[in-house]
N, C-alpha and C. Protein backbone atom coordinates (compact mmCIF):
# COMPACT_ATOMS: atom_id res chain seq x y z
N MET A 1 93.21 -42.19 116.64
CA MET A 1 94.02 -42.98 115.29
C MET A 1 93.49 -43.63 114.31
N SER A 2 93.98 -43.41 113.34
CA SER A 2 93.23 -44.15 111.99
C SER A 2 93.67 -45.33 112.08
N LEU A 3 92.83 -46.20 111.40
CA LEU A 3 92.80 -47.80 110.93
C LEU A 3 94.15 -48.18 110.57
N ARG A 4 94.74 -47.31 109.47
CA ARG A 4 95.72 -47.44 108.69
C ARG A 4 97.13 -47.69 110.01
N THR A 5 96.95 -46.35 111.02
CA THR A 5 97.98 -46.21 111.69
C THR A 5 98.23 -47.26 112.74
N VAL A 6 97.04 -47.50 113.37
CA VAL A 6 96.79 -48.91 114.30
C VAL A 6 97.53 -50.06 113.77
N ALA A 7 97.21 -50.57 112.50
CA ALA A 7 97.23 -51.53 111.66
C ALA A 7 98.86 -51.61 111.62
N GLY A 8 99.32 -50.43 111.01
CA GLY A 8 100.90 -50.26 110.99
C GLY A 8 101.63 -50.50 112.01
N ALA A 9 101.20 -49.97 113.46
CA ALA A 9 102.06 -50.14 114.73
C ALA A 9 101.79 -51.55 115.25
N VAL A 10 100.81 -52.39 114.97
CA VAL A 10 100.66 -53.96 115.03
C VAL A 10 101.61 -54.51 114.35
N PHE A 11 101.74 -54.21 113.17
CA PHE A 11 102.70 -54.86 112.30
C PHE A 11 104.15 -54.46 112.94
N ARG A 12 104.49 -53.68 113.04
CA ARG A 12 105.86 -53.01 113.39
C ARG A 12 106.20 -53.42 114.55
N ARG A 13 105.21 -53.40 115.57
CA ARG A 13 105.34 -54.11 117.01
C ARG A 13 105.77 -55.78 116.62
N GLU A 14 105.03 -56.49 116.03
CA GLU A 14 105.29 -57.99 115.41
C GLU A 14 106.32 -58.45 114.73
N MET A 15 107.01 -57.47 113.98
CA MET A 15 108.11 -57.46 113.38
C MET A 15 109.33 -57.29 114.43
N GLN A 16 109.44 -56.06 115.59
CA GLN A 16 110.25 -56.11 116.20
C GLN A 16 110.26 -57.48 117.62
N LEU A 17 109.19 -58.04 117.53
CA LEU A 17 109.19 -59.20 118.59
C LEU A 17 109.62 -60.46 117.69
N PHE A 18 109.58 -60.71 116.24
CA PHE A 18 110.14 -61.64 115.58
C PHE A 18 111.53 -61.38 116.00
N ALA A 19 112.03 -60.24 115.53
CA ALA A 19 113.61 -59.91 115.47
C ALA A 19 114.30 -60.20 116.64
N ARG A 20 113.60 -60.11 117.96
CA ARG A 20 113.85 -60.03 119.15
C ARG A 20 114.34 -61.26 119.49
N ARG A 21 113.03 -61.95 119.14
CA ARG A 21 113.07 -63.90 119.81
C ARG A 21 113.33 -64.67 118.94
N LYS A 22 114.39 -64.81 118.66
CA LYS A 22 115.16 -65.70 117.60
C LYS A 22 114.77 -66.94 117.32
N SER A 23 114.49 -67.49 118.51
CA SER A 23 113.50 -68.87 118.86
C SER A 23 112.31 -68.83 117.32
N ASP A 24 111.43 -67.75 117.15
CA ASP A 24 110.84 -67.83 116.70
C ASP A 24 110.78 -67.98 114.75
N TRP A 25 112.04 -67.55 114.85
CA TRP A 25 112.91 -68.14 113.18
C TRP A 25 113.74 -69.19 113.54
N ALA A 26 114.23 -69.08 114.45
CA ALA A 26 115.47 -70.11 114.26
C ALA A 26 114.96 -71.88 114.44
N ASN A 27 113.94 -71.87 115.47
CA ASN A 27 113.58 -73.30 115.49
C ASN A 27 112.57 -73.64 114.26
N PRO A 28 111.99 -73.15 113.63
CA PRO A 28 111.43 -73.60 112.14
C PRO A 28 112.58 -73.94 111.32
N ILE A 29 113.52 -73.32 111.13
CA ILE A 29 114.73 -73.44 110.45
C ILE A 29 115.33 -74.82 110.70
N VAL A 30 115.65 -74.82 111.96
CA VAL A 30 116.52 -76.21 112.27
C VAL A 30 115.21 -77.33 111.94
N PHE A 31 114.48 -77.19 112.14
CA PHE A 31 113.31 -78.13 112.22
C PHE A 31 113.24 -78.70 110.65
N PHE A 32 113.25 -77.44 109.74
CA PHE A 32 113.23 -77.81 108.46
C PHE A 32 114.40 -78.23 108.06
N LEU A 33 115.65 -77.74 108.59
CA LEU A 33 116.92 -78.77 108.12
C LEU A 33 116.91 -80.13 108.55
N ILE A 34 116.40 -80.50 109.94
CA ILE A 34 116.48 -81.77 109.87
C ILE A 34 115.46 -82.77 109.16
N VAL A 35 114.08 -82.07 108.69
CA VAL A 35 113.44 -82.91 108.15
C VAL A 35 113.83 -83.40 106.88
N CYS A 36 114.76 -81.84 106.17
CA CYS A 36 115.11 -82.02 104.71
C CYS A 36 116.38 -82.77 104.67
N SER A 37 117.23 -83.32 105.81
CA SER A 37 118.70 -83.54 105.97
C SER A 37 118.51 -85.36 106.11
N LEU A 38 117.51 -85.79 106.90
CA LEU A 38 117.34 -87.41 107.14
C LEU A 38 116.74 -88.10 105.87
N PHE A 39 115.99 -87.68 105.12
CA PHE A 39 115.39 -88.35 103.82
C PHE A 39 116.31 -88.85 103.06
N PRO A 40 117.46 -88.06 102.91
CA PRO A 40 118.65 -88.71 101.78
C PRO A 40 119.39 -89.99 102.53
N PHE A 41 119.30 -89.98 103.73
CA PHE A 41 119.89 -90.90 104.50
C PHE A 41 118.86 -92.30 104.29
N ALA A 42 118.13 -91.88 104.94
CA ALA A 42 116.72 -93.21 104.54
C ALA A 42 116.89 -93.53 103.26
N VAL A 43 116.64 -92.71 101.91
CA VAL A 43 116.63 -93.43 100.66
C VAL A 43 117.71 -93.89 99.86
N GLY A 44 118.96 -93.51 100.44
CA GLY A 44 120.30 -93.75 99.87
C GLY A 44 120.55 -92.49 98.57
N SER A 45 121.63 -92.47 98.43
CA SER A 45 122.45 -91.38 97.83
C SER A 45 121.86 -91.26 96.49
N GLU A 46 121.27 -92.34 95.39
CA GLU A 46 121.01 -92.10 94.11
C GLU A 46 120.12 -90.91 93.67
N SER A 47 121.29 -90.02 92.75
CA SER A 47 120.64 -88.84 92.67
C SER A 47 118.96 -89.08 91.94
N GLU A 48 118.66 -89.89 90.91
CA GLU A 48 117.41 -89.82 90.68
C GLU A 48 116.28 -90.38 91.71
N LYS A 49 116.63 -90.78 92.29
CA LYS A 49 115.68 -91.31 93.39
C LYS A 49 115.52 -90.22 94.24
N LEU A 50 116.22 -89.55 94.99
CA LEU A 50 116.42 -88.37 95.53
C LEU A 50 115.57 -87.07 94.77
N LYS A 51 115.98 -86.86 93.31
CA LYS A 51 115.20 -85.99 92.70
C LYS A 51 113.40 -86.14 93.06
N LEU A 52 113.16 -87.27 92.69
CA LEU A 52 111.79 -87.60 92.63
C LEU A 52 110.82 -87.23 93.94
N ILE A 53 111.79 -87.61 95.27
CA ILE A 53 110.98 -87.25 96.49
C ILE A 53 111.34 -85.63 96.91
N GLY A 54 112.35 -85.40 96.11
CA GLY A 54 112.90 -84.21 96.95
C GLY A 54 111.97 -82.68 96.75
N ILE A 55 111.02 -82.67 95.89
CA ILE A 55 109.98 -81.70 95.83
C ILE A 55 109.22 -81.96 97.03
N GLY A 56 108.18 -82.88 97.10
CA GLY A 56 107.39 -83.20 98.18
C GLY A 56 108.31 -83.01 99.68
N VAL A 57 109.26 -83.55 99.75
CA VAL A 57 109.96 -83.53 101.11
C VAL A 57 110.02 -81.90 101.36
N ILE A 58 110.63 -81.42 100.74
CA ILE A 58 110.89 -79.73 100.91
C ILE A 58 109.91 -79.52 100.90
N PHE A 59 108.70 -79.11 100.34
CA PHE A 59 107.29 -78.48 100.34
C PHE A 59 106.94 -78.83 101.80
N VAL A 60 106.75 -80.17 102.04
CA VAL A 60 106.01 -80.55 103.37
C VAL A 60 106.75 -79.88 104.48
N GLY A 61 107.98 -80.18 104.51
CA GLY A 61 108.76 -79.81 105.39
C GLY A 61 108.73 -78.47 105.68
N ALA A 62 108.40 -77.38 104.87
CA ALA A 62 108.39 -76.00 105.00
C ALA A 62 107.16 -75.85 105.62
N LEU A 63 106.04 -76.50 105.32
CA LEU A 63 104.29 -76.53 105.75
C LEU A 63 104.62 -76.40 107.24
N LEU A 64 105.29 -77.69 107.67
CA LEU A 64 105.43 -78.25 108.79
C LEU A 64 106.20 -77.26 109.88
N SER A 65 107.03 -76.86 109.16
CA SER A 65 108.14 -75.69 110.26
C SER A 65 107.14 -74.80 110.42
N ALA A 66 106.58 -74.02 109.21
CA ALA A 66 105.41 -72.99 109.40
C ALA A 66 104.51 -72.98 110.59
N MET A 67 103.90 -74.47 110.71
CA MET A 67 102.95 -74.67 111.65
C MET A 67 103.68 -74.65 113.21
N LEU A 68 105.08 -74.50 113.36
CA LEU A 68 105.52 -74.08 114.84
C LEU A 68 105.13 -73.09 115.23
N SER A 69 105.06 -71.96 114.40
CA SER A 69 104.48 -70.45 114.75
C SER A 69 103.12 -70.13 114.82
N LEU A 70 102.22 -71.30 114.69
CA LEU A 70 101.32 -70.85 115.12
C LEU A 70 100.52 -70.36 116.11
N PRO A 71 101.06 -71.34 117.33
CA PRO A 71 100.86 -71.27 118.50
C PRO A 71 101.05 -69.63 119.33
N ARG A 72 102.13 -69.33 118.66
CA ARG A 72 102.52 -67.87 119.35
C ARG A 72 101.76 -66.90 118.46
N LEU A 73 100.66 -66.77 117.64
CA LEU A 73 100.06 -66.00 117.36
C LEU A 73 99.18 -65.58 118.50
N PHE A 74 98.48 -65.89 119.46
CA PHE A 74 97.58 -65.31 120.22
C PHE A 74 97.93 -66.12 121.68
N ASP A 75 98.70 -66.78 121.78
CA ASP A 75 98.95 -67.44 123.53
C ASP A 75 99.89 -66.99 123.84
N ASP A 76 101.10 -66.02 123.59
CA ASP A 76 101.58 -64.97 124.59
C ASP A 76 100.78 -63.92 124.75
N ASP A 77 100.15 -63.52 123.81
CA ASP A 77 99.06 -62.22 124.37
C ASP A 77 98.08 -62.88 125.40
N ALA A 78 97.67 -63.79 125.43
CA ALA A 78 96.52 -64.11 126.12
C ALA A 78 97.27 -64.57 127.56
N ARG A 79 98.54 -64.76 127.79
CA ARG A 79 99.13 -65.05 128.55
C ARG A 79 99.43 -63.55 129.66
N ASP A 80 99.78 -62.45 128.76
CA ASP A 80 100.25 -61.16 129.28
C ASP A 80 99.25 -59.98 129.27
N GLY A 81 97.94 -60.79 129.10
CA GLY A 81 97.03 -59.52 128.75
C GLY A 81 96.79 -58.82 127.55
N SER A 82 97.67 -58.93 126.83
CA SER A 82 97.63 -57.73 125.72
C SER A 82 96.41 -58.54 124.83
N LEU A 83 95.76 -59.83 124.97
CA LEU A 83 94.55 -60.21 124.05
C LEU A 83 93.35 -59.03 124.50
N GLU A 84 93.70 -58.93 125.97
CA GLU A 84 92.24 -58.65 126.26
C GLU A 84 92.16 -57.05 125.65
N LEU A 85 93.27 -56.49 125.36
CA LEU A 85 93.27 -54.83 125.13
C LEU A 85 92.87 -55.11 123.63
N MET A 86 93.25 -56.04 122.83
CA MET A 86 93.03 -56.16 121.53
C MET A 86 91.37 -56.37 121.45
N LEU A 87 90.88 -57.24 121.98
CA LEU A 87 89.50 -57.53 121.79
C LEU A 87 88.76 -56.18 122.15
N ALA A 88 89.18 -55.55 123.35
CA ALA A 88 88.38 -54.32 123.73
C ALA A 88 88.59 -53.13 122.66
N SER A 89 89.58 -53.14 121.70
CA SER A 89 89.66 -52.14 120.83
C SER A 89 88.75 -51.50 120.10
N SER A 90 88.50 -50.49 119.83
CA SER A 90 87.43 -50.33 118.65
C SER A 90 87.66 -50.62 117.38
N GLU A 91 88.82 -50.87 117.16
CA GLU A 91 89.10 -51.40 115.71
C GLU A 91 88.64 -52.20 115.41
N PRO A 92 88.57 -52.62 113.85
CA PRO A 92 88.25 -53.94 113.83
C PRO A 92 89.28 -55.26 113.50
N LEU A 93 88.43 -56.19 114.87
CA LEU A 93 89.77 -57.02 115.06
C LEU A 93 90.42 -57.73 114.11
N ALA A 94 89.53 -58.00 113.07
CA ALA A 94 89.92 -58.69 111.59
C ALA A 94 91.33 -58.35 111.09
N VAL A 95 91.49 -56.90 111.15
CA VAL A 95 92.27 -56.43 110.65
C VAL A 95 93.72 -56.21 111.76
N LEU A 96 93.46 -56.10 112.88
CA LEU A 96 94.41 -56.32 113.90
C LEU A 96 95.38 -57.95 113.53
N ILE A 97 94.19 -58.56 113.58
CA ILE A 97 94.96 -60.23 113.29
C ILE A 97 95.50 -60.10 111.68
N LEU A 98 94.66 -59.48 110.75
CA LEU A 98 95.90 -59.34 109.49
C LEU A 98 97.27 -58.75 109.57
N ALA A 99 97.37 -57.93 110.37
CA ALA A 99 98.49 -57.05 110.36
C ALA A 99 99.48 -58.18 111.46
N ARG A 100 98.88 -58.75 112.18
CA ARG A 100 99.78 -60.13 112.79
C ARG A 100 100.31 -60.66 111.92
N ILE A 101 99.24 -61.50 111.32
CA ILE A 101 99.80 -62.24 110.33
C ILE A 101 100.58 -62.11 109.15
N THR A 102 100.56 -61.11 108.82
CA THR A 102 101.18 -60.36 107.87
C THR A 102 102.72 -60.05 107.97
N ALA A 103 103.01 -59.63 109.29
CA ALA A 103 104.40 -59.41 109.80
C ALA A 103 104.81 -60.66 109.98
N LEU A 104 104.06 -61.83 110.83
CA LEU A 104 104.90 -63.49 110.52
C LEU A 104 105.26 -63.97 109.53
N SER A 105 104.23 -63.81 108.31
CA SER A 105 104.38 -64.24 107.01
C SER A 105 105.67 -63.59 106.26
N LEU A 106 105.90 -62.14 106.55
CA LEU A 106 107.18 -61.69 106.09
C LEU A 106 108.26 -62.33 106.61
N GLY A 107 108.39 -62.32 108.11
CA GLY A 107 109.38 -62.91 108.56
C GLY A 107 109.49 -63.96 108.43
N LEU A 108 109.07 -65.28 108.92
CA LEU A 108 108.94 -66.66 108.48
C LEU A 108 109.20 -66.92 107.20
N GLY A 109 108.15 -66.41 106.21
CA GLY A 109 108.01 -66.58 105.28
C GLY A 109 109.12 -66.27 104.48
N ALA A 110 110.14 -65.62 104.50
CA ALA A 110 111.33 -64.98 104.16
C ALA A 110 112.59 -66.09 104.48
N ALA A 111 112.38 -66.46 105.69
CA ALA A 111 113.49 -67.39 106.38
C ALA A 111 113.46 -68.43 105.43
N LEU A 112 111.97 -69.39 105.49
CA LEU A 112 111.61 -70.36 104.82
C LEU A 112 112.13 -70.44 103.26
N THR A 113 111.87 -69.02 102.67
CA THR A 113 112.04 -68.99 101.32
C THR A 113 113.38 -69.27 100.86
N ILE A 114 114.38 -68.50 101.60
CA ILE A 114 115.75 -68.56 101.53
C ILE A 114 116.49 -69.71 102.02
N ALA A 115 115.52 -70.54 102.82
CA ALA A 115 115.97 -72.05 103.12
C ALA A 115 116.09 -73.18 101.85
N ALA A 116 114.58 -72.89 101.32
CA ALA A 116 114.09 -74.05 100.44
C ALA A 116 115.26 -74.25 99.33
N PRO A 117 115.32 -73.38 98.75
CA PRO A 117 116.43 -73.52 97.47
C PRO A 117 117.71 -73.99 98.02
N VAL A 118 118.35 -73.81 99.23
CA VAL A 118 119.41 -74.49 99.39
C VAL A 118 119.53 -75.65 99.91
N PHE A 119 118.12 -76.16 100.76
CA PHE A 119 118.19 -77.47 101.04
C PHE A 119 117.71 -78.54 100.09
N ALA A 120 117.14 -77.76 98.53
CA ALA A 120 117.35 -78.11 97.49
C ALA A 120 118.65 -78.94 96.97
N LEU A 121 119.68 -78.53 97.27
CA LEU A 121 120.88 -79.23 96.71
C LEU A 121 121.04 -80.55 97.29
N PHE A 122 120.58 -80.82 98.74
CA PHE A 122 120.53 -82.29 99.30
C PHE A 122 120.13 -82.91 98.29
N TYR A 123 118.84 -82.44 97.27
CA TYR A 123 118.44 -83.77 96.52
C TYR A 123 118.79 -83.60 95.23
N ALA A 124 119.70 -82.72 95.14
CA ALA A 124 120.34 -82.79 93.18
C ALA A 124 119.40 -82.31 92.18
N LEU A 125 118.56 -80.85 92.97
CA LEU A 125 117.48 -80.49 92.19
C LEU A 125 118.19 -79.41 91.34
N PRO A 126 117.70 -79.33 89.91
CA PRO A 126 118.41 -77.83 89.30
C PRO A 126 117.75 -77.10 89.74
N PHE A 127 118.70 -75.42 89.28
CA PHE A 127 118.23 -74.52 90.02
C PHE A 127 116.93 -73.79 89.62
N ALA A 128 116.33 -74.11 88.13
CA ALA A 128 115.10 -73.65 88.09
C ALA A 128 114.08 -74.32 88.67
N VAL A 129 113.97 -75.64 89.16
CA VAL A 129 113.25 -76.34 90.18
C VAL A 129 113.30 -75.75 91.51
N ALA A 130 114.93 -75.78 91.79
CA ALA A 130 114.79 -74.95 93.61
C ALA A 130 114.39 -73.33 93.44
N GLY A 131 114.51 -72.89 92.41
CA GLY A 131 113.25 -71.11 92.43
C GLY A 131 112.44 -71.24 92.52
N MET A 132 111.58 -72.56 91.60
CA MET A 132 110.33 -72.59 91.77
C MET A 132 109.99 -73.02 93.20
N LEU A 133 110.44 -73.49 93.55
CA LEU A 133 110.28 -74.06 95.05
C LEU A 133 110.32 -72.87 95.95
N ALA A 134 111.28 -71.85 95.96
CA ALA A 134 111.17 -71.29 96.70
C ALA A 134 110.03 -70.18 96.70
N LEU A 135 109.59 -70.24 95.50
CA LEU A 135 108.53 -69.36 94.73
C LEU A 135 107.31 -69.75 95.60
N SER A 136 107.04 -70.83 95.57
CA SER A 136 105.77 -72.20 95.61
C SER A 136 105.86 -71.73 97.45
N VAL A 137 107.06 -71.91 98.07
CA VAL A 137 106.74 -71.84 99.75
C VAL A 137 106.69 -70.37 99.71
N ALA A 138 106.82 -69.25 99.17
CA ALA A 138 107.11 -67.89 99.62
C ALA A 138 105.29 -67.63 99.47
N MET A 139 104.81 -68.54 98.69
CA MET A 139 103.08 -68.14 98.55
C MET A 139 102.31 -68.87 99.52
N ALA A 140 102.98 -70.56 99.97
CA ALA A 140 102.13 -71.43 100.48
C ALA A 140 102.38 -70.76 102.17
N VAL A 141 103.36 -70.23 102.74
CA VAL A 141 103.62 -69.93 104.43
C VAL A 141 102.52 -69.03 104.41
N PRO A 142 102.26 -67.89 103.82
CA PRO A 142 101.20 -66.99 104.24
C PRO A 142 99.70 -67.80 104.12
N THR A 143 99.31 -68.57 103.28
CA THR A 143 98.05 -69.48 103.41
C THR A 143 97.84 -70.00 104.10
N LEU A 144 99.10 -70.68 104.54
CA LEU A 144 98.87 -71.82 105.87
C LEU A 144 98.59 -70.95 107.64
N LEU A 145 99.32 -69.86 107.31
CA LEU A 145 99.17 -68.96 108.75
C LEU A 145 97.95 -68.58 108.74
N LEU A 146 97.32 -67.94 107.42
CA LEU A 146 95.71 -67.53 107.52
C LEU A 146 94.93 -68.72 108.23
N ILE A 147 95.04 -69.72 107.29
CA ILE A 147 94.40 -70.59 107.57
C ILE A 147 94.44 -71.11 109.10
N GLY A 148 95.70 -71.53 109.42
CA GLY A 148 96.19 -71.61 110.84
C GLY A 148 95.60 -70.37 112.13
N ALA A 149 95.52 -69.31 111.68
CA ALA A 149 94.96 -68.18 112.51
C ALA A 149 93.50 -68.78 112.97
N ILE A 150 93.12 -69.35 112.44
CA ILE A 150 91.40 -69.69 112.65
C ILE A 150 91.69 -70.90 113.93
N ALA A 151 92.40 -71.93 113.47
CA ALA A 151 92.67 -72.74 114.97
C ALA A 151 93.32 -72.44 115.97
N ALA A 152 94.24 -71.41 115.88
CA ALA A 152 94.92 -70.81 117.13
C ALA A 152 93.91 -70.12 117.46
N ALA A 153 93.25 -69.28 117.26
CA ALA A 153 92.20 -68.60 117.83
C ALA A 153 91.02 -69.33 118.47
N LEU A 154 90.93 -70.75 117.87
CA LEU A 154 89.54 -71.35 118.71
C LEU A 154 90.60 -72.32 119.81
N LEU A 155 91.92 -72.24 119.88
CA LEU A 155 92.57 -73.30 120.82
C LEU A 155 93.39 -72.11 121.69
N VAL A 156 93.29 -71.01 121.75
CA VAL A 156 94.14 -69.97 122.44
C VAL A 156 94.05 -70.43 123.87
N SER A 157 95.24 -70.79 124.39
CA SER A 157 95.60 -71.20 125.90
C SER A 157 94.96 -72.53 126.18
N ALA A 158 94.78 -73.14 125.21
CA ALA A 158 94.08 -74.65 125.53
C ALA A 158 95.22 -75.72 125.47
N ARG A 159 94.90 -76.76 126.36
CA ARG A 159 96.10 -77.80 126.66
C ARG A 159 95.95 -78.75 125.47
N GLY A 160 97.23 -78.77 125.02
CA GLY A 160 97.48 -79.35 123.80
C GLY A 160 96.96 -79.01 122.38
N GLY A 161 97.08 -77.55 122.65
CA GLY A 161 96.52 -76.77 121.67
C GLY A 161 97.35 -76.99 120.09
N ALA A 162 98.41 -77.01 120.48
CA ALA A 162 99.63 -77.13 119.43
C ALA A 162 98.95 -78.64 118.25
N ILE A 163 98.93 -79.82 119.43
CA ILE A 163 98.66 -80.81 118.24
C ILE A 163 97.10 -80.64 117.52
N LEU A 164 96.22 -80.29 118.48
CA LEU A 164 94.77 -80.10 117.76
C LEU A 164 95.04 -78.97 116.93
N THR A 165 95.54 -77.84 116.54
CA THR A 165 95.61 -76.90 115.51
C THR A 165 96.38 -77.93 114.27
N ALA A 166 97.44 -78.60 114.74
CA ALA A 166 97.65 -79.53 113.49
C ALA A 166 97.04 -80.54 112.67
N VAL A 167 96.23 -80.91 113.51
CA VAL A 167 94.96 -81.67 112.78
C VAL A 167 94.03 -80.88 112.64
N LEU A 168 93.76 -79.58 112.54
CA LEU A 168 92.53 -78.89 112.39
C LEU A 168 93.16 -78.30 110.74
N VAL A 169 94.48 -78.05 110.91
CA VAL A 169 94.81 -77.50 109.44
C VAL A 169 95.37 -77.73 108.57
N LEU A 170 96.35 -79.08 108.84
CA LEU A 170 97.07 -79.76 108.02
C LEU A 170 95.65 -80.56 106.80
N PRO A 171 94.64 -80.98 107.31
CA PRO A 171 93.46 -81.19 106.16
C PRO A 171 93.40 -79.77 105.05
N LEU A 172 93.55 -78.87 105.68
CA LEU A 172 92.99 -77.61 104.72
C LEU A 172 94.07 -76.97 103.86
N THR A 173 95.17 -77.15 104.27
CA THR A 173 96.45 -77.10 103.27
C THR A 173 97.09 -78.17 102.17
N ILE A 174 95.66 -79.39 102.22
CA ILE A 174 96.20 -80.03 100.79
C ILE A 174 95.89 -79.14 99.37
N PRO A 175 94.89 -78.50 99.52
CA PRO A 175 95.22 -77.82 98.20
C PRO A 175 96.56 -76.84 97.66
N THR A 176 96.70 -76.37 98.52
CA THR A 176 98.28 -75.16 98.72
C THR A 176 99.33 -76.56 98.58
N LEU A 177 99.24 -77.73 99.12
CA LEU A 177 100.41 -78.59 98.98
C LEU A 177 100.38 -79.20 97.40
N ILE A 178 99.43 -79.48 97.04
CA ILE A 178 98.88 -79.91 95.68
C ILE A 178 99.60 -78.85 94.68
N PHE A 179 99.24 -77.89 94.61
CA PHE A 179 99.62 -76.79 93.48
C PHE A 179 100.97 -76.42 94.04
N GLY A 180 101.41 -75.91 95.22
CA GLY A 180 102.78 -75.78 95.06
C GLY A 180 103.61 -76.71 94.48
N ALA A 181 104.05 -78.02 95.41
CA ALA A 181 104.65 -78.67 94.64
C ALA A 181 104.57 -79.09 93.02
N GLY A 182 103.10 -79.20 92.70
CA GLY A 182 102.88 -79.39 91.47
C GLY A 182 103.59 -78.32 90.11
N ALA A 183 103.62 -77.18 90.70
CA ALA A 183 104.42 -76.25 90.13
C ALA A 183 105.77 -76.49 89.88
N ALA A 184 106.36 -76.77 91.33
CA ALA A 184 107.99 -77.48 91.14
C ALA A 184 108.21 -78.77 90.47
N LEU A 185 107.03 -79.54 90.18
CA LEU A 185 107.31 -80.65 89.49
C LEU A 185 107.39 -80.38 87.85
N LYS A 186 106.20 -79.37 87.51
CA LYS A 186 105.85 -79.00 86.29
C LYS A 186 107.30 -78.51 85.79
N VAL A 187 107.94 -77.32 86.83
CA VAL A 187 109.41 -77.15 86.00
C VAL A 187 110.15 -78.38 85.74
N PHE A 188 110.26 -79.20 86.71
CA PHE A 188 111.29 -80.61 86.70
C PHE A 188 111.23 -81.31 85.47
N TYR A 189 109.72 -81.12 84.85
CA TYR A 189 109.59 -82.12 83.80
C TYR A 189 109.55 -81.29 82.68
N GLY A 190 109.91 -79.78 82.73
CA GLY A 190 110.19 -79.09 81.17
C GLY A 190 108.63 -78.56 81.01
N GLU A 191 107.80 -78.30 82.18
CA GLU A 191 106.45 -78.01 81.53
C GLU A 191 106.27 -76.44 82.20
N PRO A 192 105.24 -75.63 81.36
CA PRO A 192 104.95 -74.47 82.18
C PRO A 192 104.34 -74.51 83.45
N PRO A 193 104.31 -73.89 84.50
CA PRO A 193 103.82 -73.85 85.85
C PRO A 193 102.66 -73.02 86.00
N ALA A 194 102.23 -72.28 85.05
CA ALA A 194 101.56 -70.98 85.24
C ALA A 194 99.86 -71.64 85.64
N ALA A 195 99.53 -72.42 85.47
CA ALA A 195 97.97 -73.31 85.81
C ALA A 195 98.09 -73.25 87.18
N GLU A 196 99.37 -74.27 87.97
CA GLU A 196 99.77 -74.41 89.21
C GLU A 196 99.62 -73.17 90.33
N LEU A 197 100.60 -72.29 89.63
CA LEU A 197 100.81 -71.13 90.07
C LEU A 197 99.50 -69.69 90.16
N ALA A 198 98.75 -70.12 89.36
CA ALA A 198 97.54 -69.84 89.44
C ALA A 198 96.30 -70.13 90.63
N LEU A 199 95.96 -71.44 90.31
CA LEU A 199 95.50 -71.92 91.42
C LEU A 199 96.07 -71.66 92.92
N GLN A 200 96.98 -71.76 93.13
CA GLN A 200 97.62 -71.64 94.64
C GLN A 200 97.74 -70.09 94.68
N GLY A 201 97.91 -69.34 93.99
CA GLY A 201 97.64 -67.72 94.00
C GLY A 201 96.21 -67.50 94.51
N ALA A 202 95.04 -67.98 93.52
CA ALA A 202 93.79 -68.08 94.08
C ALA A 202 93.52 -68.33 95.44
N PHE A 203 94.47 -69.70 95.62
CA PHE A 203 93.55 -69.99 96.93
C PHE A 203 94.27 -69.11 98.18
N LEU A 204 95.62 -68.57 97.96
CA LEU A 204 96.03 -67.35 98.81
C LEU A 204 95.13 -66.32 98.94
N LEU A 205 94.53 -65.87 97.78
CA LEU A 205 93.46 -64.53 98.17
C LEU A 205 92.42 -64.83 98.66
N LEU A 206 91.43 -66.12 98.42
CA LEU A 206 90.62 -66.64 99.21
C LEU A 206 90.97 -66.67 100.64
N ALA A 207 92.02 -67.07 101.42
CA ALA A 207 92.12 -67.44 102.72
C ALA A 207 92.29 -65.91 103.17
N LEU A 208 93.24 -64.95 102.16
CA LEU A 208 93.34 -63.71 102.74
C LEU A 208 91.93 -62.81 102.77
N ALA A 209 90.78 -63.32 101.95
CA ALA A 209 89.71 -62.49 102.19
C ALA A 209 88.83 -62.96 103.28
N LEU A 210 88.83 -64.41 103.67
CA LEU A 210 87.96 -65.20 104.41
C LEU A 210 88.66 -65.43 106.04
N CYS A 211 89.76 -65.66 106.01
CA CYS A 211 90.61 -66.31 107.08
C CYS A 211 90.68 -65.34 108.32
N PRO A 212 90.78 -63.84 108.12
CA PRO A 212 91.06 -62.90 109.40
C PRO A 212 89.91 -62.81 109.89
N LEU A 213 88.63 -62.64 108.86
CA LEU A 213 87.15 -62.28 109.54
C LEU A 213 86.94 -63.91 110.48
N ALA A 214 87.29 -64.77 110.00
CA ALA A 214 87.07 -66.28 110.69
C ALA A 214 87.68 -66.35 111.94
N ALA A 215 88.96 -66.02 111.87
CA ALA A 215 90.12 -65.82 112.89
C ALA A 215 89.22 -64.77 113.91
N ALA A 216 88.61 -63.90 113.79
CA ALA A 216 88.30 -62.84 114.44
C ALA A 216 86.69 -62.89 115.19
N ALA A 217 86.09 -64.10 114.61
CA ALA A 217 85.07 -64.46 115.21
C ALA A 217 85.77 -65.83 116.43
N ALA A 218 86.35 -66.41 115.85
CA ALA A 218 86.60 -67.78 116.34
C ALA A 218 87.54 -66.82 117.74
N LEU A 219 88.32 -65.93 117.97
CA LEU A 219 88.71 -65.57 118.61
C LEU A 219 87.92 -64.80 119.91
N LYS A 220 86.80 -64.42 119.18
CA LYS A 220 85.35 -63.76 120.43
C LYS A 220 84.84 -65.29 120.70
N ILE A 221 84.88 -66.09 120.05
CA ILE A 221 84.25 -67.11 120.70
C ILE A 221 84.87 -67.85 122.01
N SER A 222 86.19 -68.16 121.72
CA SER A 222 87.14 -68.93 122.52
C SER A 222 87.57 -68.38 124.03
N THR A 223 87.02 -66.65 123.55
CA THR A 223 87.92 -65.79 125.20
C THR A 223 86.42 -65.41 125.71
N ASP A 224 85.21 -65.87 125.13
CA ASP A 224 83.50 -65.83 126.04
C ASP A 224 83.52 -66.08 127.14
């Protein structure tokens, strides 16, 4: 079979599993809802105050929600033996990992992208800002998953791996957080967000080029 056929089969399998296991998308959405709904109770109902913190809360909440899915990238396969088959495959491991991340990014990214502008209503944000938040989240989730794949590969089946993954991944997502939230803030203040979107896109492309290779190397190290 060609590499495209194998990668497509991996992609379809991951999408089917994502659709079948409702907890894979329901848990992050529920967590996202809890994070976004608690802050208005804490800071009060003053609309201007909510608008100032809303962009940051929603964007951070989306990133933290996406992190809940990182352990399932490899842990389930390590338990049922599928990981050994993937490692023994003659196809490039980085391509197989990229196919899995792409499927998870589409499924989870779509769910969080749809939820972000809805939750923006909690903070009385204008529709233009809510739309920019949705676009920024759609770009940030794949970036987070690409970076997180390296940590997930290093810590596959490790005890306490979820916490360690968060510790390793969160500092590396700071540029995505700055540029993604910054684009929505520019729209909020009536300024063009082109520079922030370009930088966020550049960071996504850099992660797309490097992270699958690094995750493949980390996976081989952790399973030796």
